[in-house]
């Protein structure tokens, strides 16, 4: 397969070479010259993981689980759903998961991908250490607290090939998922922290039009399976029959049914189709304090957005100190768009959305479609120059530079 998983981006690399072990990654890097880049589960919607040289397909670099003191070490290409299933068998868990359990650990953490929850950091916030291959084949490790960690943790593939990561774990827990409907835009924007704080993880699915914000998907951690949940949320009500993504069959079980964390935190099942499939995605992050004003600004564009949209999702995450994280230095709201596969029309509306969000210093998701330039990135990411200096030092020959990284000023 020479396309991303949704079929909306064709890779330009001259060769795609599978690598199923650290030794194989190192052999390719050492025995070849020119550009090289890592490719995971192909969930990026741009040329971020592409190269004119060799793409290292790490999808088989999976498993190799090793438990430590409150941690698990995992191979870079492992899908989160596979890791989560194994951890739950050990009665362990992660603090959060993304909506798709299909994405790889290395790819998701390298791009600052996230789940939701006012008190939950992006997935990268669980990383204790990373092991990676440098431009000359050296094997290096960087740990939290070391000088380069804040730059490399969300490193967007700009400095080497990650081969394994150490993640923090916690005791396994159980959850339920409930849908609330009828919450008005006025009530939501008037008490936004209450809305997004209604559960351990909360997602709001909206189409931007009308007086109702849409469906509010609340994921609750349970002390006991019989613990009750509220029958109302702001001016909305619990709706056991609601289907927030239409009749899409591959969502995890909702309707308040208790279950293990790894079958409730993601929206979609590991054995099913990720999201809608044939789609384009964009996402922007603003400070949570700015959420009401930012959402009101996007809502003004609702008539332009809605015809191109499958659905939008609103999620929150807590601040971190990782330099290229979308939540660096601020508690954040992610405004996500799952677009129909109409690239020309989507590209026409993106500049309007980005202009509406510019007063709030919105940051784009690194792996999703956006129109940001180098100057735009430097305006909203205060540590990008510092991160770039670390990447240049780690990769002085520029083997991991590609057009995308240069275009946005990361290399």
Protein backbone atom coordinates (compact mmCIF):
# COMPACT_ATOMS: atom_id res chain seq x y z
CA UNK A 1 0.00 0.00 0.00
CA UNK A 2 1.48 3.34 -1.08
CA UNK A 3 -1.31 5.46 0.40
CA UNK A 4 -2.31 6.52 3.88
CA UNK A 5 -4.99 4.43 5.57
CA UNK A 6 -7.84 6.66 4.33
CA UNK A 7 -6.57 6.62 0.74
CA UNK A 8 -6.27 10.41 0.63
CA UNK A 9 -2.48 10.80 0.42
CA UNK A 10 -0.04 9.03 -1.94
CA UNK A 11 3.51 8.60 -0.64
CA UNK A 12 6.26 9.90 -2.90
CA UNK A 13 9.09 7.78 -1.43
CA UNK A 14 11.28 5.91 -3.90
CA UNK A 15 11.25 2.79 -1.70
CA UNK A 16 9.22 1.49 1.23
CA UNK A 17 11.25 -1.04 3.24
CA UNK A 18 9.75 -3.06 6.12
CA UNK A 19 11.72 -3.21 9.36
CA UNK A 20 10.52 -5.55 12.11
CA UNK A 21 13.31 -5.05 14.66
CA UNK A 22 15.72 -2.46 15.99
CA UNK A 23 18.54 -4.28 14.21
CA UNK A 24 16.74 -4.08 10.87
CA UNK A 25 16.09 -0.35 11.30
CA UNK A 26 19.73 0.23 12.12
CA UNK A 27 20.90 -1.90 9.17
CA UNK A 28 18.86 0.16 6.69
CA UNK A 29 20.02 3.48 8.12
CA UNK A 30 23.68 2.42 8.14
CA UNK A 31 23.73 0.71 4.75
CA UNK A 32 21.99 3.45 2.78
CA UNK A 33 22.56 7.12 2.15
CA UNK A 34 20.17 9.95 1.52
CA UNK A 35 16.80 10.74 3.07
CA UNK A 36 15.01 8.27 5.30
CA UNK A 37 11.84 8.48 7.34
CA UNK A 38 9.71 6.28 9.58
CA UNK A 39 6.20 5.23 8.58
CA UNK A 40 3.78 3.81 11.13
CA UNK A 41 0.09 3.02 10.75
CA UNK A 42 -0.28 5.65 7.98
CA UNK A 43 -2.74 7.81 9.84
CA UNK A 44 -1.23 11.16 8.82
CA UNK A 45 -3.20 13.10 6.21
CA UNK A 46 -0.26 14.98 4.69
CA UNK A 47 3.32 14.41 3.56
CA UNK A 48 4.59 14.76 7.15
CA UNK A 49 5.92 11.14 7.25
CA UNK A 50 6.96 11.11 3.57
CA UNK A 51 10.40 11.38 1.96
CA UNK A 52 12.03 11.34 -1.45
CA UNK A 53 14.28 8.52 -0.25
CA UNK A 54 13.45 5.48 1.87
CA UNK A 55 10.38 5.02 4.03
CA UNK A 56 10.88 2.52 6.84
CA UNK A 57 7.61 0.67 7.36
CA UNK A 58 7.53 -0.04 11.11
CA UNK A 59 4.11 -1.72 11.24
CA UNK A 60 5.74 -5.08 12.05
CA UNK A 61 7.96 -3.55 14.77
CA UNK A 62 5.34 -4.46 17.34
CA UNK A 63 4.95 -5.96 20.80
CA UNK A 64 8.09 -6.80 22.79
CA UNK A 65 6.27 -5.74 25.97
CA UNK A 66 8.37 -5.41 29.11
CA UNK A 67 7.00 -4.23 32.43
CA UNK A 68 9.05 -1.96 34.68
CA UNK A 69 8.37 0.00 37.84
CA UNK A 70 4.99 1.48 36.92
CA UNK A 71 5.88 1.40 33.22
CA UNK A 72 5.68 -0.70 30.09
CA UNK A 73 8.25 -0.73 27.31
CA UNK A 74 6.73 -1.24 23.85
CA UNK A 75 8.01 -1.46 20.27
CA UNK A 76 7.38 1.68 18.24
CA UNK A 77 4.99 0.27 15.63
CA UNK A 78 2.63 -1.31 18.13
CA UNK A 79 -0.98 -0.22 17.74
CA UNK A 80 -2.49 1.27 20.88
CA UNK A 81 -5.33 -1.25 20.84
CA UNK A 82 -2.89 -4.16 20.87
CA UNK A 83 -0.92 -2.66 23.75
CA UNK A 84 -4.10 -1.84 25.68
CA UNK A 85 -5.42 -5.39 25.34
CA UNK A 86 -2.13 -6.83 26.63
CA UNK A 87 -1.99 -4.36 29.53
CA UNK A 88 -5.53 -5.13 30.60
CA UNK A 89 -4.61 -8.82 30.77
CA UNK A 90 -1.92 -7.76 33.28
CA UNK A 91 -4.56 -5.72 35.18
CA UNK A 92 -2.86 -2.51 34.06
CA UNK A 93 -3.96 0.51 32.03
CA UNK A 94 -2.88 3.75 30.39
CA UNK A 95 -4.18 7.16 31.42
CA UNK A 96 -5.91 7.69 28.08
CA UNK A 97 -6.36 6.50 24.51
CA UNK A 98 -7.18 8.25 21.27
CA UNK A 99 -10.48 7.73 19.48
CA UNK A 100 -8.79 5.20 17.17
CA UNK A 101 -7.03 2.21 18.77
CA UNK A 102 -5.51 1.47 15.35
CA UNK A 103 -2.78 4.13 15.57
CA UNK A 104 0.82 3.31 16.49
CA UNK A 105 2.40 4.32 19.79
CA UNK A 106 5.39 6.05 18.19
CA UNK A 107 3.41 7.88 15.51
CA UNK A 108 0.72 9.10 17.90
CA UNK A 109 3.12 10.34 20.56
CA UNK A 110 5.44 11.95 17.98
CA UNK A 111 2.58 14.13 16.73
CA UNK A 112 1.02 15.04 20.08
CA UNK A 113 -2.09 12.98 19.39
CA UNK A 114 -4.55 12.78 22.25
CA UNK A 115 -7.72 11.49 23.77
CA UNK A 116 -9.89 13.79 25.85
CA UNK A 117 -10.48 14.92 29.40
CA UNK A 118 -9.92 18.22 31.20
CA UNK A 119 -7.37 16.55 33.48
CA UNK A 120 -5.73 14.28 30.90
CA UNK A 121 -2.55 15.13 29.02
CA UNK A 122 -1.93 14.21 25.39
CA UNK A 123 -0.76 10.63 24.84
CA UNK A 124 2.87 11.81 24.83
CA UNK A 125 2.52 12.93 28.44
CA UNK A 126 2.76 9.26 29.47
CA UNK A 127 6.17 8.78 27.80
CA UNK A 128 9.02 8.18 30.27
CA UNK A 129 11.72 7.44 27.71
CA UNK A 130 12.35 6.78 24.02
CA UNK A 131 14.96 4.72 22.19
CA UNK A 132 15.84 5.83 18.66
CA UNK A 133 18.28 5.38 15.78
CA UNK A 134 20.26 8.43 14.70
CA UNK A 135 21.39 9.49 11.22
CA UNK A 136 24.59 7.40 11.48
CA UNK A 137 23.00 4.30 13.03
CA UNK A 138 23.80 5.07 16.66
CA UNK A 139 21.26 3.81 19.18
CA UNK A 140 20.30 6.54 21.63
CA UNK A 141 17.90 6.84 24.55
CA UNK A 142 16.38 9.98 26.02
CA UNK A 143 14.50 10.07 29.30
CA UNK A 144 12.05 12.49 30.86
CA UNK A 145 13.96 15.16 32.75
CA UNK A 146 16.97 15.07 30.42
CA UNK A 147 17.86 18.18 28.44
CA UNK A 148 16.54 17.08 25.03
CA UNK A 149 13.41 15.26 26.15
CA UNK A 150 11.03 18.23 25.88
CA UNK A 151 12.07 18.68 22.24
CA UNK A 152 12.19 15.04 21.17
CA UNK A 153 9.04 13.69 22.85
CA UNK A 154 6.79 15.36 20.25
CA UNK A 155 9.46 15.14 17.59
CA UNK A 156 7.34 14.70 14.42
CA UNK A 157 9.92 12.36 12.89
CA UNK A 158 12.43 15.18 12.57
CA UNK A 159 15.48 13.71 14.32
CA UNK A 160 15.66 9.91 13.96
CA UNK A 161 13.68 6.68 13.93
CA UNK A 162 12.03 5.77 17.24
CA UNK A 163 12.22 2.02 17.86
CA UNK A 164 10.72 1.69 21.35
CA UNK A 165 9.09 3.75 24.10
CA UNK A 166 8.54 3.43 27.83
CA UNK A 167 5.08 4.52 28.99
CA UNK A 168 3.62 5.10 32.44
CA UNK A 169 0.94 2.63 33.54
CA UNK A 170 -1.69 2.51 36.26
CA UNK A 171 -4.07 -0.07 37.68
CA UNK A 172 -6.77 -1.26 35.30
CA UNK A 173 -10.18 0.40 35.63
CA UNK A 174 -13.70 0.11 34.29
CA UNK A 175 -15.81 2.67 32.45
CA UNK A 176 -19.18 3.36 30.87
CA UNK A 177 -20.15 5.56 27.94
CA UNK A 178 -23.29 7.69 27.84
CA UNK A 179 -24.66 10.13 25.28
CA UNK A 180 -26.43 13.37 26.17
CA UNK A 181 -28.45 15.25 23.59
CA UNK A 182 -30.29 18.56 23.54
CA UNK A 183 -27.49 20.67 25.04
CA UNK A 184 -27.85 24.12 23.52
CA UNK A 185 -24.97 26.17 22.19
CA UNK A 186 -25.86 28.93 24.64
CA UNK A 187 -25.66 26.58 27.63
CA UNK A 188 -22.49 24.89 26.37
CA UNK A 189 -20.59 28.11 25.76
CA UNK A 190 -21.82 29.57 29.02
CA UNK A 191 -20.51 26.65 31.11
CA UNK A 192 -17.93 25.04 28.86
CA UNK A 193 -15.70 23.62 31.61
CA UNK A 194 -18.74 22.02 33.22
CA UNK A 195 -19.64 20.44 29.89
CA UNK A 196 -16.18 19.03 29.16
CA UNK A 197 -15.68 18.08 32.81
CA UNK A 198 -18.84 15.96 32.97
CA UNK A 199 -16.79 12.74 32.84
CA UNK A 200 -13.26 11.39 32.82
CA UNK A 201 -13.23 11.87 29.06
CA UNK A 202 -15.78 13.93 27.11
CA UNK A 203 -16.25 14.42 23.38
CA UNK A 204 -18.76 16.73 21.75
CA UNK A 205 -19.90 15.85 18.22
CA UNK A 206 -21.29 18.81 16.31
CA UNK A 207 -22.23 19.90 12.81
CA UNK A 208 -22.14 23.61 13.76
CA UNK A 209 -25.70 24.43 12.61
CA UNK A 210 -28.85 24.76 14.69
CA UNK A 211 -29.42 25.63 18.34
CA UNK A 212 -28.19 22.30 19.76
CA UNK A 213 -24.46 21.69 19.98
CA UNK A 214 -25.02 18.04 19.07
CA UNK A 215 -24.20 14.83 20.94
CA UNK A 216 -22.08 14.88 24.12
CA UNK A 217 -20.25 11.56 24.58
CA UNK A 218 -19.32 11.13 28.24
CA UNK A 219 -16.90 8.40 29.39
CA UNK A 220 -17.08 7.81 33.14
CA UNK A 221 -14.56 5.91 35.28
CA UNK A 222 -16.46 3.61 37.62
CA UNK A 223 -15.78 2.79 41.26
CA UNK A 224 -18.39 0.03 40.87
CA UNK A 225 -20.33 -1.15 37.83
CA UNK A 226 -23.56 -0.03 39.45
CA UNK A 227 -22.49 3.56 40.08
CA UNK A 228 -25.15 5.91 38.66
CA UNK A 229 -24.62 8.79 36.24
CA UNK A 230 -26.57 12.03 35.97
CA UNK A 231 -29.79 12.03 33.99
CA UNK A 232 -29.17 15.55 32.70
CA UNK A 233 -26.22 17.64 31.52
CA UNK A 234 -26.72 21.42 31.45
CA UNK A 235 -29.97 21.75 29.48
CA UNK A 236 -29.57 18.36 27.78
CA UNK A 237 -30.69 14.89 28.81
CA UNK A 238 -29.28 11.38 28.90
CA UNK A 239 -30.30 9.67 25.67
CA UNK A 240 -29.76 5.87 25.74
CA UNK A 241 -30.84 5.53 22.10
CA UNK A 242 -28.54 8.19 20.67
CA UNK A 243 -26.03 7.28 17.95
CA UNK A 244 -23.56 10.19 17.82
CA UNK A 245 -21.90 8.96 14.62
CA UNK A 246 -25.06 7.92 12.86
CA UNK A 247 -25.39 4.21 12.26
CA UNK A 248 -21.65 3.65 12.04
CA UNK A 249 -21.32 0.04 13.19
CA UNK A 250 -17.77 -0.05 14.48
CA UNK A 251 -18.04 2.13 17.60
CA UNK A 252 -17.29 0.79 21.07
CA UNK A 253 -20.27 -0.07 23.24
CA UNK A 254 -22.29 2.90 24.46
CA UNK A 255 -25.63 3.07 26.28
CA UNK A 256 -24.14 3.00 29.78
CA UNK A 257 -22.86 -0.59 29.62
CA UNK A 258 -19.87 -1.04 31.99
CA UNK A 259 -16.70 -2.48 30.52
CA UNK A 260 -12.90 -2.44 30.63
CA UNK A 261 -11.09 0.84 29.98
CA UNK A 262 -9.56 -0.30 26.69
CA UNK A 263 -13.02 -1.01 25.21
CA UNK A 264 -14.52 2.30 26.38
CA UNK A 265 -11.88 5.02 25.99
CA UNK A 266 -11.61 4.66 22.18
CA UNK A 267 -14.62 5.56 20.06
CA UNK A 268 -13.92 2.81 17.52
CA UNK A 269 -13.27 -0.91 17.81
CA UNK A 270 -9.85 -2.29 16.95
CA UNK A 271 -11.47 -5.01 14.82
CA UNK A 272 -13.48 -2.48 12.80
CA UNK A 273 -13.01 0.35 10.32
CA UNK A 274 -11.16 3.36 11.73
CA UNK A 275 -13.56 6.33 11.71
CA UNK A 276 -15.49 6.68 8.43
CA UNK A 277 -12.62 5.44 6.25
CA UNK A 278 -12.68 7.55 3.08
CA UNK A 279 -12.04 10.93 4.66
CA UNK A 280 -9.74 13.90 5.32
CA UNK A 281 -9.05 15.22 8.81
CA UNK A 282 -8.04 18.63 10.16
CA UNK A 283 -7.66 19.76 13.77
CA UNK A 284 -6.78 22.95 15.63
CA UNK A 285 -5.94 23.57 19.30
CA UNK A 286 -6.76 26.70 21.28
CA UNK A 287 -6.43 27.56 24.96
CA UNK A 288 -9.42 26.23 26.89
CA UNK A 289 -10.00 29.71 28.32
CA UNK A 290 -10.62 30.85 24.74
CA UNK A 291 -12.94 27.96 23.88
CA UNK A 292 -16.28 29.82 23.95
CA UNK A 293 -15.03 32.67 21.75
CA UNK A 294 -13.15 30.34 19.39
CA UNK A 295 -16.15 28.05 18.96
CA UNK A 296 -18.43 31.03 18.33
CA UNK A 297 -16.04 32.20 15.60
CA UNK A 298 -16.05 28.81 13.87
CA UNK A 299 -19.81 28.54 14.23
CA UNK A 300 -20.15 31.65 12.06
CA UNK A 301 -18.68 29.53 9.24
CA UNK A 302 -21.16 26.71 9.80
CA UNK A 303 -22.96 27.10 6.43
CA UNK A 304 -19.60 26.74 4.62
CA UNK A 305 -18.35 23.87 6.78
CA UNK A 306 -21.40 21.64 7.14
CA UNK A 307 -21.81 20.52 3.49
CA UNK A 308 -18.24 19.14 3.48
CA UNK A 309 -18.40 17.52 6.88
CA UNK A 310 -18.95 14.05 8.24
CA UNK A 311 -18.75 15.46 11.77
CA UNK A 312 -16.70 17.73 14.03
CA UNK A 313 -15.44 16.64 17.44
CA UNK A 314 -14.48 18.86 20.38
CA UNK A 315 -12.08 17.45 22.97
CA UNK A 316 -9.96 18.86 25.80
CA UNK A 317 -6.56 18.09 27.27
CA UNK A 318 -4.41 19.45 30.10
CA UNK A 319 -1.29 21.56 29.64
CA UNK A 320 2.18 20.05 29.31
CA UNK A 321 5.79 21.22 28.89
CA UNK A 322 6.62 19.35 25.66
CA UNK A 323 7.85 21.99 23.24
CA UNK A 324 5.93 20.97 20.11
CA UNK A 325 2.89 19.58 21.86
CA UNK A 326 -0.39 21.20 20.83
CA UNK A 327 -1.07 21.65 24.55
CA UNK A 328 2.32 23.18 25.38
CA UNK A 329 1.88 25.69 28.20
CA UNK A 330 -1.92 25.80 28.15
CA UNK A 331 -4.97 23.69 28.94
CA UNK A 332 -6.43 23.19 25.51
CA UNK A 333 -9.47 22.52 23.36
CA UNK A 334 -9.09 20.57 20.12
CA UNK A 335 -11.51 21.46 17.31
CA UNK A 336 -11.51 18.52 14.94
CA UNK A 337 -13.02 18.20 11.46
CA UNK A 338 -13.65 14.89 9.73
CA UNK A 339 -14.17 15.94 6.13
CA UNK A 340 -15.64 14.14 3.18
CA UNK A 341 -12.99 13.22 0.64
CA UNK A 342 -13.34 16.41 -1.37
CA UNK A 343 -9.79 17.80 -1.22
CA UNK A 344 -10.29 20.89 -3.39
CA UNK A 345 -13.34 22.10 -1.48
CA UNK A 346 -11.73 21.32 1.88
CA UNK A 347 -8.61 23.26 0.95
CA UNK A 348 -10.80 26.24 0.06
CA UNK A 349 -12.51 26.34 3.46
CA UNK A 350 -9.42 25.71 5.63
CA UNK A 351 -7.98 29.25 5.23
CA UNK A 352 -11.31 30.67 6.41
CA UNK A 353 -11.30 28.45 9.52
CA UNK A 354 -7.66 29.29 10.24
CA UNK A 355 -8.36 33.01 9.86
CA UNK A 356 -11.28 32.73 12.29
CA UNK A 357 -9.04 30.95 14.81
CA UNK A 358 -5.97 33.16 14.31
CA UNK A 359 -6.87 35.58 17.15
CA UNK A 360 -6.69 32.61 19.51
CA UNK A 361 -3.22 31.43 18.37
CA UNK A 362 -4.64 28.11 17.19
CA UNK A 363 -2.09 25.34 16.63
CA UNK A 364 -2.67 22.68 13.95
CA UNK A 365 -2.38 18.96 14.59
CA UNK A 366 0.97 17.97 13.11
CA UNK A 367 -0.40 14.97 11.21
CA UNK A 368 -3.59 16.45 9.80
CA UNK A 369 -4.38 18.71 6.87
CA UNK A 370 -3.78 22.41 7.47
CA UNK A 371 -2.52 25.46 5.62
CA UNK A 372 0.04 26.79 8.13
CA UNK A 373 3.33 28.24 6.89
CA UNK A 374 6.66 28.47 8.69
CA UNK A 375 5.75 31.97 9.92
CA UNK A 376 2.38 30.73 11.18
CA UNK A 377 4.01 27.90 13.14
CA UNK A 378 6.60 30.23 14.65
CA UNK A 379 3.81 32.57 15.75
CA UNK A 380 1.85 29.91 17.67
CA UNK A 381 4.63 27.54 18.83
CA UNK A 382 6.97 29.60 21.05
CA UNK A 383 9.62 26.85 21.32
CA UNK A 384 9.81 25.74 17.70
CA UNK A 385 13.23 27.37 17.16
CA UNK A 386 14.59 25.64 20.27
CA UNK A 387 13.21 22.30 19.07
CA UNK A 388 14.65 22.86 15.60
CA UNK A 389 18.11 23.43 17.09
CA UNK A 390 17.91 20.09 18.92
CA UNK A 391 16.78 18.30 15.75
CA UNK A 392 19.64 19.84 13.75
CA UNK A 393 22.13 18.73 16.38
CA UNK A 394 20.75 15.17 16.40
CA UNK A 395 20.68 15.00 12.59
CA UNK A 396 23.47 17.23 11.25
CA UNK A 397 23.40 15.52 7.84
CA UNK A 398 19.69 16.23 7.37
CA UNK A 399 18.74 12.63 6.65
CA UNK A 400 15.35 13.03 8.34
CA UNK A 401 14.49 16.34 6.67
CA UNK A 402 11.58 16.29 4.24
CA UNK A 403 9.59 18.90 2.35
CA UNK A 404 6.87 19.09 4.98
CA UNK A 405 9.23 19.66 7.91
CA UNK A 406 11.05 22.38 5.98
CA UNK A 407 7.78 23.98 4.89
CA UNK A 408 6.54 24.40 8.47
CA UNK A 409 9.94 25.39 9.86
CA UNK A 410 10.62 22.37 12.05
CA UNK A 411 13.83 21.64 10.08
